[in-house]
Amino acid sequence: MTIHVSPDACPALVLNADFRPLSYYPLSLWSWQDAIKAIFLDRVNVVSNYDKTVSSPSFQMPLPSVICLKTYIKPARNPAFTRFNVFLRDRFCCQYCGAREDLTFDHVIPRSRGGLTTWDNIVAACSPCNLMKGGKMPRDANMWPSQKPFEPTVHDLHRNGRLFPPNYLHDSWMDYLYWDTELEP
């Protein structure tokens, strides 16, 4: 029996050679087509399969649900300075009022006062707070970020990423997503 699988169905969780996900947020997932291609190119090992298969006239194969790279990819030491990573560092939360909607970013020390666009001077802020603070210094606006801005490590972003799991997590992925978290006594 041939099962017709949509291209968005059955993604494969991609683990590094040390069995850790390449990325937690966004979660390192490949389409089933990319996973099968990597299997045929002998770039990955299959760790777990779905109960579904794909077929050609001469071949049938279970769809992989977890794959592991054969070659270790060294993680970046420093995360890229992007709007997304600023929001992830700040847990998608306005650093002034705690709102989670209509986020933008704010220069704690305004550019008009010499503030730079760097990890140490940018925080996530909702539009109303950003407009209220405007070009004022924190003390003049009486608005202080809930945490001092800082350059996060990859570990910081992975830890925060775990707080925002994707909408879909297959059971076969669970042993690999949170294996390095501290167990409760």
N, C-alpha and C. Protein backbone atom coordinates (compact mmCIF):
# COMPACT_ATOMS: atom_id res chain seq x y z
N MET A 1 0.84 -1.18 0.00
CA MET A 1 0.00 0.00 0.00
C MET A 1 0.88 1.24 0.00
N THR A 2 0.68 2.14 -0.93
CA THR A 2 1.45 3.37 -1.02
C THR A 2 0.70 4.48 -0.31
N ILE A 3 1.40 5.20 0.54
CA ILE A 3 0.80 6.32 1.24
C ILE A 3 1.28 7.59 0.57
N HIS A 4 0.37 8.46 0.22
CA HIS A 4 0.74 9.74 -0.36
C HIS A 4 0.96 10.72 0.79
N VAL A 5 2.17 11.23 0.87
CA VAL A 5 2.55 12.09 1.98
C VAL A 5 2.72 13.51 1.47
N SER A 6 2.11 14.46 2.13
CA SER A 6 2.26 15.85 1.71
C SER A 6 3.68 16.33 2.04
N PRO A 7 4.19 17.29 1.29
CA PRO A 7 5.56 17.76 1.50
C PRO A 7 5.81 18.34 2.90
N ASP A 8 4.77 18.87 3.55
CA ASP A 8 4.96 19.47 4.87
C ASP A 8 4.83 18.45 6.00
N ALA A 9 4.40 17.26 5.68
CA ALA A 9 4.19 16.25 6.72
C ALA A 9 5.49 15.53 7.03
N CYS A 10 5.54 14.96 8.20
CA CYS A 10 6.63 14.06 8.61
C CYS A 10 8.02 14.68 8.53
N PRO A 11 8.24 15.81 9.16
CA PRO A 11 9.60 16.36 9.15
C PRO A 11 10.51 15.48 10.01
N ALA A 12 11.80 15.53 9.72
CA ALA A 12 12.78 14.77 10.49
C ALA A 12 13.54 15.72 11.40
N LEU A 13 13.64 15.35 12.67
CA LEU A 13 14.46 16.10 13.61
C LEU A 13 15.92 15.81 13.26
N VAL A 14 16.72 16.86 13.10
CA VAL A 14 18.13 16.70 12.71
C VAL A 14 19.02 16.92 13.93
N LEU A 15 19.77 15.88 14.25
CA LEU A 15 20.71 15.93 15.37
C LEU A 15 22.13 16.07 14.84
N ASN A 16 22.96 16.74 15.60
CA ASN A 16 24.37 16.80 15.28
C ASN A 16 24.97 15.43 15.59
N ALA A 17 26.22 15.21 15.27
CA ALA A 17 26.85 13.91 15.50
C ALA A 17 26.91 13.56 16.99
N ASP A 18 26.75 14.55 17.88
CA ASP A 18 26.74 14.28 19.32
C ASP A 18 25.32 14.04 19.85
N PHE A 19 24.37 13.88 18.95
CA PHE A 19 22.96 13.59 19.26
C PHE A 19 22.23 14.75 19.94
N ARG A 20 22.73 15.96 19.77
CA ARG A 20 22.01 17.15 20.20
C ARG A 20 21.40 17.81 18.97
N PRO A 21 20.22 18.42 19.09
CA PRO A 21 19.66 19.11 17.94
C PRO A 21 20.62 20.20 17.44
N LEU A 22 20.66 20.38 16.13
CA LEU A 22 21.49 21.45 15.58
C LEU A 22 21.04 22.79 16.11
N SER A 23 19.73 22.94 16.30
CA SER A 23 19.16 24.18 16.79
C SER A 23 17.87 23.85 17.54
N TYR A 24 17.62 24.60 18.61
CA TYR A 24 16.38 24.43 19.36
C TYR A 24 15.31 25.40 18.89
N TYR A 25 15.73 26.59 18.50
CA TYR A 25 14.75 27.58 18.08
C TYR A 25 15.34 28.43 16.98
N PRO A 26 14.93 28.27 15.76
CA PRO A 26 13.92 27.30 15.36
C PRO A 26 14.48 25.88 15.46
N LEU A 27 13.61 24.94 15.73
CA LEU A 27 14.00 23.56 15.87
C LEU A 27 14.56 23.05 14.54
N SER A 28 15.68 22.33 14.60
CA SER A 28 16.33 21.84 13.38
C SER A 28 15.53 20.69 12.79
N LEU A 29 14.75 21.01 11.78
CA LEU A 29 13.90 20.04 11.10
C LEU A 29 14.19 20.09 9.61
N TRP A 30 14.17 18.91 8.98
CA TRP A 30 14.27 18.82 7.52
C TRP A 30 13.00 18.18 7.00
N SER A 31 12.63 18.55 5.80
CA SER A 31 11.49 17.89 5.16
C SER A 31 11.85 16.42 4.95
N TRP A 32 10.83 15.59 4.78
CA TRP A 32 11.10 14.17 4.57
C TRP A 32 11.91 13.96 3.29
N GLN A 33 11.71 14.82 2.27
CA GLN A 33 12.47 14.68 1.03
C GLN A 33 13.96 14.94 1.27
N ASP A 34 14.27 16.02 2.02
CA ASP A 34 15.67 16.33 2.30
C ASP A 34 16.32 15.25 3.16
N ALA A 35 15.55 14.70 4.10
CA ALA A 35 16.08 13.63 4.96
C ALA A 35 16.41 12.39 4.12
N ILE A 36 15.53 12.01 3.22
CA ILE A 36 15.78 10.83 2.39
C ILE A 36 16.97 11.07 1.46
N LYS A 37 17.07 12.26 0.92
CA LYS A 37 18.22 12.59 0.07
C LYS A 37 19.52 12.44 0.86
N ALA A 38 19.54 12.96 2.11
CA ALA A 38 20.74 12.86 2.94
C ALA A 38 21.07 11.40 3.27
N ILE A 39 20.05 10.57 3.43
CA ILE A 39 20.26 9.13 3.69
C ILE A 39 20.94 8.49 2.48
N PHE A 40 20.42 8.77 1.29
CA PHE A 40 21.01 8.19 0.08
C PHE A 40 22.41 8.70 -0.18
N LEU A 41 22.69 9.93 0.23
CA LEU A 41 24.04 10.48 0.07
C LEU A 41 24.98 10.05 1.20
N ASP A 42 24.45 9.24 2.13
CA ASP A 42 25.22 8.69 3.25
C ASP A 42 25.80 9.78 4.16
N ARG A 43 25.00 10.84 4.37
CA ARG A 43 25.43 11.95 5.23
C ARG A 43 24.85 11.86 6.64
N VAL A 44 23.83 11.00 6.80
CA VAL A 44 23.15 10.88 8.09
C VAL A 44 22.89 9.42 8.42
N ASN A 45 22.68 9.18 9.71
CA ASN A 45 22.19 7.88 10.18
C ASN A 45 20.74 8.06 10.62
N VAL A 46 19.93 7.06 10.37
CA VAL A 46 18.54 7.11 10.82
C VAL A 46 18.50 6.62 12.26
N VAL A 47 17.91 7.41 13.12
CA VAL A 47 17.79 7.06 14.54
C VAL A 47 16.41 6.49 14.84
N SER A 48 15.39 7.06 14.21
CA SER A 48 14.02 6.62 14.44
C SER A 48 13.19 6.88 13.19
N ASN A 49 12.14 6.08 13.01
CA ASN A 49 11.27 6.21 11.85
C ASN A 49 9.82 6.45 12.26
N TYR A 50 9.07 7.06 11.33
CA TYR A 50 7.62 7.15 11.46
C TYR A 50 7.04 5.79 11.09
N ASP A 51 5.76 5.63 11.30
CA ASP A 51 5.05 4.41 10.88
C ASP A 51 4.61 4.50 9.43
N LYS A 52 5.02 5.53 8.72
CA LYS A 52 4.64 5.73 7.33
C LYS A 52 5.83 5.41 6.43
N THR A 53 5.52 5.03 5.22
CA THR A 53 6.57 4.74 4.25
C THR A 53 6.33 5.53 2.97
N VAL A 54 7.40 5.68 2.20
CA VAL A 54 7.29 6.23 0.85
C VAL A 54 7.75 5.14 -0.10
N SER A 55 7.21 5.17 -1.30
CA SER A 55 7.50 4.10 -2.25
C SER A 55 7.75 4.65 -3.63
N SER A 56 8.55 3.91 -4.35
CA SER A 56 8.70 4.11 -5.79
C SER A 56 8.33 2.76 -6.40
N PRO A 57 8.33 2.63 -7.70
CA PRO A 57 7.97 1.33 -8.29
C PRO A 57 8.88 0.19 -7.83
N SER A 58 10.12 0.50 -7.47
CA SER A 58 11.06 -0.58 -7.13
C SER A 58 11.60 -0.51 -5.70
N PHE A 59 11.09 0.42 -4.89
CA PHE A 59 11.71 0.63 -3.59
C PHE A 59 10.68 1.13 -2.59
N GLN A 60 10.82 0.72 -1.35
CA GLN A 60 9.96 1.21 -0.28
C GLN A 60 10.84 1.53 0.91
N MET A 61 10.54 2.64 1.59
CA MET A 61 11.38 3.08 2.70
C MET A 61 10.53 3.74 3.78
N PRO A 62 10.80 3.40 5.06
CA PRO A 62 10.09 4.12 6.13
C PRO A 62 10.58 5.56 6.19
N LEU A 63 9.67 6.47 6.51
CA LEU A 63 10.06 7.88 6.64
C LEU A 63 10.82 8.09 7.95
N PRO A 64 11.99 8.71 7.89
CA PRO A 64 12.75 8.95 9.12
C PRO A 64 12.13 10.06 9.96
N SER A 65 12.06 9.85 11.26
CA SER A 65 11.57 10.90 12.16
C SER A 65 12.71 11.59 12.89
N VAL A 66 13.82 10.87 13.11
CA VAL A 66 15.02 11.45 13.73
C VAL A 66 16.22 10.97 12.94
N ILE A 67 17.05 11.92 12.53
CA ILE A 67 18.29 11.58 11.84
C ILE A 67 19.45 12.27 12.54
N CYS A 68 20.63 11.67 12.39
CA CYS A 68 21.83 12.19 13.06
C CYS A 68 22.92 12.37 12.00
N LEU A 69 23.51 13.55 11.97
CA LEU A 69 24.60 13.80 11.03
C LEU A 69 25.78 12.89 11.32
N LYS A 70 26.45 12.45 10.29
CA LYS A 70 27.64 11.61 10.47
C LYS A 70 28.87 12.47 10.80
N THR A 71 28.86 13.71 10.37
CA THR A 71 29.97 14.62 10.62
C THR A 71 29.51 15.70 11.59
N TYR A 72 30.28 15.91 12.63
CA TYR A 72 29.95 16.90 13.66
C TYR A 72 30.10 18.31 13.08
N ILE A 73 29.09 19.13 13.29
CA ILE A 73 29.15 20.53 12.90
C ILE A 73 29.35 21.35 14.17
N LYS A 74 30.47 22.04 14.23
CA LYS A 74 30.78 22.85 15.41
C LYS A 74 29.79 24.02 15.48
N PRO A 75 29.08 24.14 16.61
CA PRO A 75 28.12 25.24 16.74
C PRO A 75 28.84 26.59 16.75
N ALA A 76 28.13 27.59 16.27
CA ALA A 76 28.68 28.95 16.31
C ALA A 76 28.96 29.33 17.75
N ARG A 77 30.06 29.99 17.97
CA ARG A 77 30.40 30.42 19.33
C ARG A 77 29.57 31.60 19.77
N ASN A 78 29.34 32.51 18.84
CA ASN A 78 28.57 33.71 19.16
C ASN A 78 27.37 33.79 18.22
N PRO A 79 26.19 33.95 18.77
CA PRO A 79 25.01 34.05 17.90
C PRO A 79 25.03 35.34 17.09
N ALA A 80 24.40 35.29 15.94
CA ALA A 80 24.30 36.48 15.08
C ALA A 80 23.45 37.54 15.78
N PHE A 81 23.83 38.78 15.57
CA PHE A 81 23.06 39.91 16.13
C PHE A 81 21.93 40.22 15.16
N THR A 82 20.77 39.60 15.43
CA THR A 82 19.59 39.79 14.59
C THR A 82 18.42 40.20 15.46
N ARG A 83 17.41 40.77 14.83
CA ARG A 83 16.20 41.16 15.54
C ARG A 83 15.58 39.93 16.22
N PHE A 84 15.52 38.82 15.50
CA PHE A 84 14.95 37.59 16.06
C PHE A 84 15.72 37.16 17.31
N ASN A 85 17.04 37.16 17.26
CA ASN A 85 17.84 36.72 18.41
C ASN A 85 17.72 37.69 19.59
N VAL A 86 17.53 38.99 19.31
CA VAL A 86 17.26 39.93 20.41
C VAL A 86 15.94 39.56 21.08
N PHE A 87 14.90 39.30 20.27
CA PHE A 87 13.61 38.91 20.83
C PHE A 87 13.73 37.60 21.60
N LEU A 88 14.47 36.65 21.07
CA LEU A 88 14.64 35.36 21.75
C LEU A 88 15.39 35.55 23.06
N ARG A 89 16.46 36.35 23.05
CA ARG A 89 17.20 36.63 24.30
C ARG A 89 16.25 37.21 25.34
N ASP A 90 15.36 38.11 24.91
CA ASP A 90 14.44 38.79 25.82
C ASP A 90 13.11 38.04 25.97
N ARG A 91 13.08 36.80 25.49
CA ARG A 91 11.94 35.89 25.63
C ARG A 91 10.65 36.46 25.03
N PHE A 92 10.79 37.16 23.91
CA PHE A 92 9.65 37.72 23.19
C PHE A 92 8.75 38.53 24.12
N CYS A 93 9.40 39.37 24.93
CA CYS A 93 8.70 40.12 25.96
C CYS A 93 9.25 41.55 26.01
N CYS A 94 8.37 42.55 26.03
CA CYS A 94 8.81 43.94 26.18
C CYS A 94 9.57 44.07 27.49
N GLN A 95 10.74 44.63 27.42
CA GLN A 95 11.58 44.75 28.61
C GLN A 95 11.16 45.90 29.52
N TYR A 96 10.17 46.67 29.09
CA TYR A 96 9.67 47.76 29.92
C TYR A 96 8.35 47.43 30.61
N CYS A 97 7.42 46.79 29.89
CA CYS A 97 6.10 46.54 30.49
C CYS A 97 5.71 45.06 30.52
N GLY A 98 6.45 44.21 29.82
CA GLY A 98 6.15 42.78 29.81
C GLY A 98 5.20 42.33 28.71
N ALA A 99 4.74 43.26 27.86
CA ALA A 99 3.83 42.88 26.76
C ALA A 99 4.53 41.93 25.80
N ARG A 100 3.73 41.08 25.15
CA ARG A 100 4.29 40.10 24.21
C ARG A 100 3.82 40.36 22.77
N GLU A 101 3.16 41.46 22.54
CA GLU A 101 2.63 41.76 21.21
C GLU A 101 3.23 43.06 20.70
N ASP A 102 3.21 43.19 19.37
CA ASP A 102 3.64 44.42 18.71
C ASP A 102 5.08 44.79 19.09
N LEU A 103 5.96 43.77 19.10
CA LEU A 103 7.34 44.00 19.53
C LEU A 103 8.18 44.66 18.44
N THR A 104 9.04 45.51 18.89
CA THR A 104 10.07 46.13 18.09
C THR A 104 11.32 46.13 18.96
N PHE A 105 12.34 46.89 18.61
CA PHE A 105 13.44 46.98 19.56
C PHE A 105 13.76 48.42 19.86
N ASP A 106 14.34 48.63 21.02
CA ASP A 106 14.63 49.97 21.52
C ASP A 106 16.11 50.10 21.82
N HIS A 107 16.67 51.25 21.49
CA HIS A 107 18.03 51.60 21.93
C HIS A 107 17.89 52.15 23.35
N VAL A 108 18.45 51.47 24.33
CA VAL A 108 18.36 51.94 25.73
C VAL A 108 18.96 53.34 25.81
N ILE A 109 20.17 53.50 25.32
CA ILE A 109 20.75 54.83 25.14
C ILE A 109 20.45 55.21 23.70
N PRO A 110 19.60 56.20 23.47
CA PRO A 110 19.18 56.53 22.11
C PRO A 110 20.36 56.84 21.18
N ARG A 111 20.17 56.53 19.91
CA ARG A 111 21.23 56.82 18.93
C ARG A 111 21.53 58.32 18.91
N SER A 112 20.51 59.14 19.14
CA SER A 112 20.71 60.59 19.14
C SER A 112 21.61 61.03 20.30
N ARG A 113 21.80 60.15 21.28
CA ARG A 113 22.67 60.45 22.43
C ARG A 113 23.96 59.62 22.38
N GLY A 114 24.24 59.04 21.20
CA GLY A 114 25.47 58.27 21.04
C GLY A 114 25.33 56.78 21.25
N GLY A 115 24.12 56.31 21.48
CA GLY A 115 23.90 54.88 21.68
C GLY A 115 24.14 54.10 20.40
N LEU A 116 24.73 52.93 20.55
CA LEU A 116 25.06 52.09 19.41
C LEU A 116 24.03 50.98 19.23
N THR A 117 23.97 50.44 18.04
CA THR A 117 23.09 49.31 17.76
C THR A 117 23.90 48.05 18.02
N THR A 118 23.97 47.66 19.29
CA THR A 118 24.75 46.51 19.74
C THR A 118 23.93 45.71 20.74
N TRP A 119 24.39 44.48 21.00
CA TRP A 119 23.72 43.64 22.00
C TRP A 119 23.57 44.37 23.33
N ASP A 120 24.56 45.16 23.71
CA ASP A 120 24.57 45.80 25.03
C ASP A 120 23.70 47.05 25.12
N ASN A 121 23.05 47.42 24.00
CA ASN A 121 22.23 48.63 24.03
C ASN A 121 20.84 48.44 23.42
N ILE A 122 20.51 47.24 22.99
CA ILE A 122 19.22 46.99 22.35
C ILE A 122 18.39 46.05 23.22
N VAL A 123 17.11 46.38 23.39
CA VAL A 123 16.18 45.48 24.09
C VAL A 123 14.90 45.37 23.28
N ALA A 124 14.18 44.28 23.48
CA ALA A 124 12.85 44.14 22.90
C ALA A 124 11.91 45.10 23.62
N ALA A 125 11.09 45.80 22.85
CA ALA A 125 10.13 46.75 23.43
C ALA A 125 8.87 46.73 22.58
N CYS A 126 7.73 46.87 23.24
CA CYS A 126 6.49 46.99 22.47
C CYS A 126 6.44 48.40 21.89
N SER A 127 5.67 48.57 20.85
CA SER A 127 5.60 49.88 20.18
C SER A 127 5.15 51.00 21.12
N PRO A 128 4.11 50.78 21.97
CA PRO A 128 3.72 51.87 22.88
C PRO A 128 4.86 52.31 23.82
N CYS A 129 5.60 51.35 24.37
CA CYS A 129 6.71 51.73 25.26
C CYS A 129 7.82 52.41 24.48
N ASN A 130 8.09 51.91 23.28
CA ASN A 130 9.14 52.51 22.47
C ASN A 130 8.78 53.96 22.13
N LEU A 131 7.52 54.20 21.80
CA LEU A 131 7.08 55.57 21.51
C LEU A 131 7.12 56.45 22.76
N MET A 132 6.72 55.88 23.91
CA MET A 132 6.70 56.64 25.15
C MET A 132 8.12 57.05 25.55
N LYS A 133 9.08 56.12 25.40
CA LYS A 133 10.47 56.43 25.76
C LYS A 133 11.08 57.37 24.75
N GLY A 134 10.76 57.13 23.47
CA GLY A 134 11.26 58.02 22.42
C GLY A 134 12.77 58.12 22.45
N GLY A 135 13.28 59.33 22.31
CA GLY A 135 14.72 59.58 22.30
C GLY A 135 15.26 59.96 23.66
N LYS A 136 14.54 59.60 24.73
CA LYS A 136 14.98 59.97 26.09
C LYS A 136 15.91 58.92 26.67
N MET A 137 16.74 59.36 27.58
CA MET A 137 17.56 58.44 28.35
C MET A 137 16.64 57.73 29.35
N PRO A 138 17.00 56.53 29.79
CA PRO A 138 16.13 55.80 30.73
C PRO A 138 15.76 56.61 31.97
N ARG A 139 16.71 57.33 32.53
CA ARG A 139 16.40 58.09 33.76
C ARG A 139 15.42 59.24 33.46
N ASP A 140 15.52 59.85 32.28
CA ASP A 140 14.62 60.95 31.92
C ASP A 140 13.21 60.45 31.63
N ALA A 141 13.10 59.24 31.07
CA ALA A 141 11.79 58.66 30.78
C ALA A 141 11.27 57.87 31.96
N ASN A 142 12.11 57.66 32.97
CA ASN A 142 11.79 56.80 34.11
C ASN A 142 11.34 55.42 33.62
N MET A 143 12.09 54.90 32.64
CA MET A 143 11.81 53.59 32.06
C MET A 143 13.12 52.81 32.01
N TRP A 144 13.14 51.73 32.79
CA TRP A 144 14.33 50.89 32.85
C TRP A 144 14.00 49.49 32.36
N PRO A 145 14.86 48.92 31.54
CA PRO A 145 14.57 47.54 31.09
C PRO A 145 14.58 46.57 32.27
N SER A 146 13.75 45.54 32.19
CA SER A 146 13.66 44.57 33.29
C SER A 146 14.97 43.79 33.44
N GLN A 147 15.73 43.64 32.36
CA GLN A 147 17.07 43.05 32.47
C GLN A 147 18.01 43.90 31.64
N LYS A 148 19.21 44.04 32.13
CA LYS A 148 20.22 44.80 31.41
C LYS A 148 20.54 44.06 30.11
N PRO A 149 20.59 44.77 28.97
CA PRO A 149 20.90 44.08 27.72
C PRO A 149 22.32 43.50 27.76
N PHE A 150 22.47 42.34 27.12
CA PHE A 150 23.76 41.64 27.13
C PHE A 150 23.89 40.82 25.86
N GLU A 151 25.12 40.45 25.54
CA GLU A 151 25.35 39.58 24.41
C GLU A 151 25.14 38.14 24.87
N PRO A 152 24.13 37.46 24.34
CA PRO A 152 23.84 36.10 24.80
C PRO A 152 24.81 35.09 24.19
N THR A 153 24.93 33.98 24.85
CA THR A 153 25.67 32.87 24.28
C THR A 153 24.68 32.00 23.49
N VAL A 154 25.19 31.09 22.71
CA VAL A 154 24.32 30.14 22.01
C VAL A 154 23.52 29.36 23.05
N HIS A 155 24.15 29.02 24.17
CA HIS A 155 23.46 28.29 25.24
C HIS A 155 22.27 29.11 25.77
N ASP A 156 22.46 30.41 25.96
CA ASP A 156 21.36 31.27 26.43
C ASP A 156 20.17 31.20 25.47
N LEU A 157 20.46 31.29 24.17
CA LEU A 157 19.37 31.27 23.18
C LEU A 157 18.72 29.89 23.11
N HIS A 158 19.51 28.82 23.22
CA HIS A 158 18.93 27.47 23.24
C HIS A 158 18.03 27.30 24.45
N ARG A 159 18.49 27.77 25.61
CA ARG A 159 17.68 27.66 26.83
C ARG A 159 16.36 28.40 26.65
N ASN A 160 16.41 29.60 26.12
CA ASN A 160 15.18 30.37 25.91
C ASN A 160 14.31 29.73 24.83
N GLY A 161 14.94 29.18 23.80
CA GLY A 161 14.20 28.54 22.73
C GLY A 161 13.37 27.37 23.21
N ARG A 162 13.86 26.68 24.23
CA ARG A 162 13.11 25.55 24.79
C ARG A 162 11.79 25.98 25.42
N LEU A 163 11.70 27.27 25.76
CA LEU A 163 10.46 27.79 26.35
C LEU A 163 9.37 27.99 25.30
N PHE A 164 9.75 27.91 24.02
CA PHE A 164 8.81 28.16 22.93
C PHE A 164 8.83 26.99 21.95
N PRO A 165 8.35 25.82 22.40
CA PRO A 165 8.40 24.66 21.49
C PRO A 165 7.50 24.86 20.29
N PRO A 166 7.83 24.21 19.18
CA PRO A 166 6.96 24.32 18.01
C PRO A 166 5.60 23.69 18.29
N ASN A 167 4.66 23.96 17.41
CA ASN A 167 3.30 23.44 17.59
C ASN A 167 3.24 21.93 17.50
N TYR A 168 4.22 21.33 16.83
CA TYR A 168 4.19 19.89 16.63
C TYR A 168 5.50 19.28 17.13
N LEU A 169 5.41 18.34 18.04
CA LEU A 169 6.57 17.60 18.52
C LEU A 169 6.22 16.12 18.46
N HIS A 170 6.91 15.37 17.63
CA HIS A 170 6.64 13.94 17.53
C HIS A 170 7.22 13.23 18.74
N ASP A 171 6.56 12.16 19.19
CA ASP A 171 7.03 11.42 20.37
C ASP A 171 8.47 10.94 20.22
N SER A 172 8.87 10.56 19.01
CA SER A 172 10.23 10.04 18.81
C SER A 172 11.30 11.11 19.00
N TRP A 173 10.91 12.38 19.04
CA TRP A 173 11.88 13.47 19.20
C TRP A 173 12.20 13.76 20.66
N MET A 174 11.30 13.41 21.56
CA MET A 174 11.38 13.89 22.94
C MET A 174 12.68 13.51 23.65
N ASP A 175 13.18 12.32 23.42
CA ASP A 175 14.41 11.91 24.09
C ASP A 175 15.61 12.75 23.67
N TYR A 176 15.52 13.43 22.56
CA TYR A 176 16.66 14.18 22.03
C TYR A 176 16.54 15.68 22.25
N LEU A 177 15.37 16.15 22.60
CA LEU A 177 15.18 17.59 22.76
C LEU A 177 15.58 18.09 24.14
N TYR A 178 15.32 17.30 25.15
CA TYR A 178 15.52 17.82 26.50
C TYR A 178 16.42 16.93 27.33
N TRP A 179 17.29 16.15 26.71
CA TRP A 179 18.13 15.20 27.44
C TRP A 179 19.18 15.88 28.29
N ASP A 180 19.52 17.12 27.98
CA ASP A 180 20.57 17.79 28.75
C ASP A 180 20.01 18.75 29.79
N THR A 181 18.70 18.67 30.07
CA THR A 181 18.14 19.50 31.13
C THR A 181 18.28 18.75 32.45
N GLU A 182 18.33 19.53 33.52
CA GLU A 182 18.54 18.95 34.84
C GLU A 182 17.30 18.18 35.29
N LEU A 183 17.51 17.00 35.81
CA LEU A 183 16.40 16.16 36.27
C LEU A 183 15.98 16.58 37.68
N GLU A 184 14.70 16.40 37.96
CA GLU A 184 14.19 16.71 39.30
C GLU A 184 14.54 15.56 40.24
N PRO A 185 14.88 15.85 41.51
CA PRO A 185 15.22 14.76 42.45
C PRO A 185 14.01 13.94 42.84
